[in-house]
Amino acid sequence: MGDGYDQSKDKELFKKGANPTGNKWLNVGVYSYDEKEPKIRIMPAGLNKNAPDGAKNKWINQKAITGITKSEAQELVKLLEQAITKM
């Protein structure tokens, strides 16, 4: 069994985001963990309405995409196409 996740082994090959609606970021990245085959990660981030203005954590990562709009889907396709070229 492995020793768990080691952030130092996680190499970012590509990362780009889009904010088509102004209230949700869709971040697409290509990562290689421990020099293995690169994989795409789709990481949504939502606006943290409880953060004070100018706070570093204004945008916070969310755990999963549960539903996206047509404009968000169109932006996601563009990002995925770019990510695939980095693999």
N, C-alpha and C. Protein backbone atom coordinates (compact mmCIF):
# COMPACT_ATOMS: atom_id res chain seq x y z
N MET A 1 0.83 -1.17 0.00
CA MET A 1 0.00 0.00 0.00
C MET A 1 0.88 1.24 0.00
N GLY A 2 0.44 2.32 -0.68
CA GLY A 2 1.21 3.54 -0.77
C GLY A 2 1.21 4.34 0.52
N ASP A 3 2.08 5.33 0.53
CA ASP A 3 2.21 6.18 1.71
C ASP A 3 1.28 7.38 1.66
N GLY A 4 0.44 7.47 0.65
CA GLY A 4 -0.45 8.61 0.53
C GLY A 4 0.07 9.64 -0.47
N TYR A 5 -0.69 10.68 -0.61
CA TYR A 5 -0.39 11.73 -1.58
C TYR A 5 0.81 12.55 -1.13
N ASP A 6 1.74 12.80 -2.06
CA ASP A 6 2.91 13.64 -1.81
C ASP A 6 2.89 14.76 -2.85
N GLN A 7 2.60 15.97 -2.41
CA GLN A 7 2.44 17.10 -3.32
C GLN A 7 3.71 17.36 -4.14
N SER A 8 4.88 17.04 -3.60
CA SER A 8 6.13 17.29 -4.32
C SER A 8 6.27 16.40 -5.57
N LYS A 9 5.49 15.32 -5.64
CA LYS A 9 5.52 14.41 -6.80
C LYS A 9 4.50 14.80 -7.87
N ASP A 10 3.69 15.81 -7.60
CA ASP A 10 2.62 16.22 -8.50
C ASP A 10 3.13 17.36 -9.39
N LYS A 11 3.38 17.07 -10.66
CA LYS A 11 3.93 18.06 -11.58
C LYS A 11 2.83 18.64 -12.46
N GLU A 12 2.68 19.95 -12.41
CA GLU A 12 1.68 20.65 -13.23
C GLU A 12 2.27 20.89 -14.62
N LEU A 13 1.62 20.34 -15.65
CA LEU A 13 2.07 20.50 -17.02
C LEU A 13 1.32 21.60 -17.75
N PHE A 14 0.10 21.89 -17.29
CA PHE A 14 -0.76 22.89 -17.92
C PHE A 14 -1.85 23.25 -16.94
N LYS A 15 -2.23 24.53 -16.91
CA LYS A 15 -3.38 24.94 -16.12
C LYS A 15 -3.94 26.23 -16.70
N LYS A 16 -5.23 26.23 -16.90
CA LYS A 16 -5.90 27.41 -17.42
C LYS A 16 -7.32 27.41 -16.91
N GLY A 17 -7.88 28.59 -16.73
CA GLY A 17 -9.25 28.68 -16.23
C GLY A 17 -10.09 29.63 -17.06
N ALA A 18 -11.40 29.49 -16.89
CA ALA A 18 -12.36 30.37 -17.56
C ALA A 18 -13.44 30.72 -16.57
N ASN A 19 -13.99 31.92 -16.73
CA ASN A 19 -15.05 32.42 -15.86
C ASN A 19 -16.16 33.00 -16.73
N PRO A 20 -16.89 32.14 -17.48
CA PRO A 20 -17.86 32.63 -18.45
C PRO A 20 -19.07 33.33 -17.85
N THR A 21 -19.44 33.00 -16.63
CA THR A 21 -20.64 33.60 -16.04
C THR A 21 -20.34 34.64 -14.98
N GLY A 22 -19.08 34.74 -14.57
CA GLY A 22 -18.71 35.71 -13.56
C GLY A 22 -18.87 35.24 -12.13
N ASN A 23 -19.46 34.06 -11.93
CA ASN A 23 -19.65 33.58 -10.56
C ASN A 23 -19.08 32.19 -10.32
N LYS A 24 -18.46 31.58 -11.32
CA LYS A 24 -17.86 30.26 -11.14
C LYS A 24 -16.69 30.10 -12.10
N TRP A 25 -15.52 29.74 -11.57
CA TRP A 25 -14.37 29.44 -12.41
C TRP A 25 -14.36 27.96 -12.73
N LEU A 26 -13.96 27.63 -13.95
CA LEU A 26 -13.70 26.25 -14.34
C LEU A 26 -12.23 26.18 -14.69
N ASN A 27 -11.47 25.51 -13.87
CA ASN A 27 -10.04 25.36 -14.07
C ASN A 27 -9.76 23.97 -14.63
N VAL A 28 -8.96 23.92 -15.69
CA VAL A 28 -8.57 22.66 -16.30
C VAL A 28 -7.06 22.57 -16.23
N GLY A 29 -6.57 21.46 -15.73
CA GLY A 29 -5.13 21.27 -15.63
C GLY A 29 -4.71 19.90 -16.08
N VAL A 30 -3.45 19.79 -16.47
CA VAL A 30 -2.85 18.50 -16.80
C VAL A 30 -1.73 18.29 -15.78
N TYR A 31 -1.79 17.16 -15.10
CA TYR A 31 -0.84 16.85 -14.03
C TYR A 31 -0.28 15.44 -14.23
N SER A 32 0.99 15.30 -13.87
CA SER A 32 1.63 13.99 -13.87
C SER A 32 2.09 13.74 -12.45
N TYR A 33 1.59 12.68 -11.85
CA TYR A 33 1.97 12.34 -10.48
C TYR A 33 3.05 11.28 -10.51
N ASP A 34 4.17 11.57 -9.90
CA ASP A 34 5.29 10.63 -9.78
C ASP A 34 5.77 10.16 -11.16
N GLU A 35 5.81 11.10 -12.13
CA GLU A 35 6.28 10.84 -13.49
C GLU A 35 5.42 9.82 -14.25
N LYS A 36 4.19 9.61 -13.83
CA LYS A 36 3.30 8.67 -14.51
C LYS A 36 2.53 9.39 -15.61
N GLU A 37 1.66 8.65 -16.30
CA GLU A 37 0.88 9.20 -17.41
C GLU A 37 0.11 10.44 -16.97
N PRO A 38 0.19 11.53 -17.75
CA PRO A 38 -0.54 12.75 -17.40
C PRO A 38 -2.05 12.53 -17.38
N LYS A 39 -2.71 13.24 -16.48
CA LYS A 39 -4.17 13.17 -16.36
C LYS A 39 -4.74 14.58 -16.28
N ILE A 40 -5.95 14.72 -16.79
CA ILE A 40 -6.65 16.00 -16.76
C ILE A 40 -7.45 16.11 -15.47
N ARG A 41 -7.38 17.27 -14.84
CA ARG A 41 -8.21 17.57 -13.67
C ARG A 41 -9.10 18.75 -14.00
N ILE A 42 -10.36 18.62 -13.68
CA ILE A 42 -11.32 19.71 -13.83
C ILE A 42 -11.66 20.17 -12.42
N MET A 43 -11.30 21.43 -12.13
CA MET A 43 -11.41 21.93 -10.77
C MET A 43 -12.26 23.20 -10.75
N PRO A 44 -13.52 23.08 -10.39
CA PRO A 44 -14.34 24.28 -10.29
C PRO A 44 -13.99 25.07 -9.03
N ALA A 45 -14.20 26.36 -9.09
CA ALA A 45 -14.02 27.22 -7.92
C ALA A 45 -15.19 28.19 -7.88
N GLY A 46 -15.74 28.38 -6.71
CA GLY A 46 -16.86 29.30 -6.54
C GLY A 46 -16.46 30.49 -5.70
N LEU A 47 -17.24 31.53 -5.78
CA LEU A 47 -16.99 32.74 -5.03
C LEU A 47 -17.34 32.52 -3.56
N ASN A 48 -16.39 32.81 -2.69
CA ASN A 48 -16.61 32.69 -1.25
C ASN A 48 -17.23 33.99 -0.77
N LYS A 49 -18.53 34.00 -0.64
CA LYS A 49 -19.25 35.22 -0.28
C LYS A 49 -18.98 35.65 1.16
N ASN A 50 -18.39 34.77 1.97
CA ASN A 50 -18.09 35.11 3.36
C ASN A 50 -16.71 35.74 3.53
N ALA A 51 -15.90 35.75 2.46
CA ALA A 51 -14.56 36.31 2.55
C ALA A 51 -14.63 37.84 2.53
N PRO A 52 -13.82 38.50 3.35
CA PRO A 52 -13.77 39.96 3.29
C PRO A 52 -13.20 40.42 1.95
N ASP A 53 -13.55 41.61 1.52
CA ASP A 53 -13.04 42.14 0.26
C ASP A 53 -11.52 42.09 0.24
N GLY A 54 -10.96 41.65 -0.89
CA GLY A 54 -9.53 41.57 -1.06
C GLY A 54 -8.87 40.37 -0.41
N ALA A 55 -9.66 39.48 0.18
CA ALA A 55 -9.08 38.30 0.84
C ALA A 55 -8.49 37.36 -0.20
N LYS A 56 -7.40 36.69 0.17
CA LYS A 56 -6.75 35.76 -0.74
C LYS A 56 -7.65 34.59 -1.09
N ASN A 57 -8.57 34.24 -0.23
CA ASN A 57 -9.42 33.07 -0.47
C ASN A 57 -10.79 33.47 -1.02
N LYS A 58 -10.83 34.54 -1.80
CA LYS A 58 -12.11 34.98 -2.36
C LYS A 58 -12.71 33.88 -3.25
N TRP A 59 -11.86 33.22 -4.05
CA TRP A 59 -12.30 32.08 -4.87
C TRP A 59 -11.84 30.82 -4.18
N ILE A 60 -12.76 29.91 -3.91
CA ILE A 60 -12.39 28.68 -3.21
C ILE A 60 -12.70 27.47 -4.10
N ASN A 61 -11.85 26.47 -4.02
CA ASN A 61 -12.06 25.25 -4.79
C ASN A 61 -13.29 24.50 -4.28
N GLN A 62 -14.01 23.93 -5.22
CA GLN A 62 -15.16 23.10 -4.89
C GLN A 62 -14.80 21.67 -5.22
N LYS A 63 -15.57 20.72 -4.72
CA LYS A 63 -15.19 19.31 -4.87
C LYS A 63 -15.60 18.69 -6.19
N ALA A 64 -16.69 19.08 -6.78
CA ALA A 64 -17.14 18.41 -7.99
C ALA A 64 -18.02 19.33 -8.82
N ILE A 65 -18.06 19.04 -10.10
CA ILE A 65 -18.99 19.75 -10.98
C ILE A 65 -20.31 19.00 -10.92
N THR A 66 -21.33 19.66 -10.43
CA THR A 66 -22.63 19.00 -10.32
C THR A 66 -23.57 19.43 -11.43
N GLY A 67 -23.30 20.55 -12.02
CA GLY A 67 -24.12 21.03 -13.12
C GLY A 67 -23.51 22.29 -13.69
N ILE A 68 -23.43 22.38 -15.01
CA ILE A 68 -22.87 23.58 -15.62
C ILE A 68 -23.80 24.07 -16.72
N THR A 69 -23.74 25.36 -16.97
CA THR A 69 -24.58 25.97 -18.00
C THR A 69 -23.99 25.72 -19.38
N LYS A 70 -24.73 26.07 -20.41
CA LYS A 70 -24.26 25.90 -21.78
C LYS A 70 -22.98 26.71 -22.01
N SER A 71 -22.95 27.96 -21.55
CA SER A 71 -21.75 28.78 -21.76
C SER A 71 -20.56 28.22 -20.99
N GLU A 72 -20.80 27.68 -19.80
CA GLU A 72 -19.73 27.05 -19.04
C GLU A 72 -19.23 25.80 -19.76
N ALA A 73 -20.13 25.01 -20.32
CA ALA A 73 -19.75 23.80 -21.06
C ALA A 73 -18.92 24.16 -22.29
N GLN A 74 -19.30 25.22 -22.98
CA GLN A 74 -18.55 25.64 -24.17
C GLN A 74 -17.13 26.06 -23.78
N GLU A 75 -16.98 26.77 -22.69
CA GLU A 75 -15.65 27.16 -22.22
C GLU A 75 -14.85 25.94 -21.78
N LEU A 76 -15.52 25.00 -21.13
CA LEU A 76 -14.86 23.79 -20.66
C LEU A 76 -14.30 22.98 -21.84
N VAL A 77 -15.06 22.88 -22.92
CA VAL A 77 -14.60 22.16 -24.12
C VAL A 77 -13.33 22.82 -24.67
N LYS A 78 -13.30 24.15 -24.71
CA LYS A 78 -12.12 24.86 -25.20
C LYS A 78 -10.90 24.55 -24.33
N LEU A 79 -11.10 24.59 -23.02
CA LEU A 79 -10.00 24.31 -22.10
C LEU A 79 -9.52 22.88 -22.21
N LEU A 80 -10.45 21.94 -22.35
CA LEU A 80 -10.06 20.53 -22.49
C LEU A 80 -9.26 20.30 -23.78
N GLU A 81 -9.66 20.96 -24.87
CA GLU A 81 -8.91 20.82 -26.11
C GLU A 81 -7.48 21.31 -25.93
N GLN A 82 -7.30 22.42 -25.23
CA GLN A 82 -5.95 22.93 -24.97
C GLN A 82 -5.18 21.98 -24.08
N ALA A 83 -5.84 21.43 -23.06
CA ALA A 83 -5.17 20.52 -22.15
C ALA A 83 -4.71 19.24 -22.85
N ILE A 84 -5.51 18.72 -23.74
CA ILE A 84 -5.16 17.49 -24.45
C ILE A 84 -3.87 17.67 -25.24
N THR A 85 -3.65 18.85 -25.80
CA THR A 85 -2.42 19.08 -26.57
C THR A 85 -1.18 19.05 -25.68
N LYS A 86 -1.34 19.20 -24.38
CA LYS A 86 -0.20 19.20 -23.45
C LYS A 86 0.11 17.80 -22.94
N MET A 87 -0.68 16.82 -23.31
CA MET A 87 -0.49 15.47 -22.80
C MET A 87 0.46 14.67 -23.69
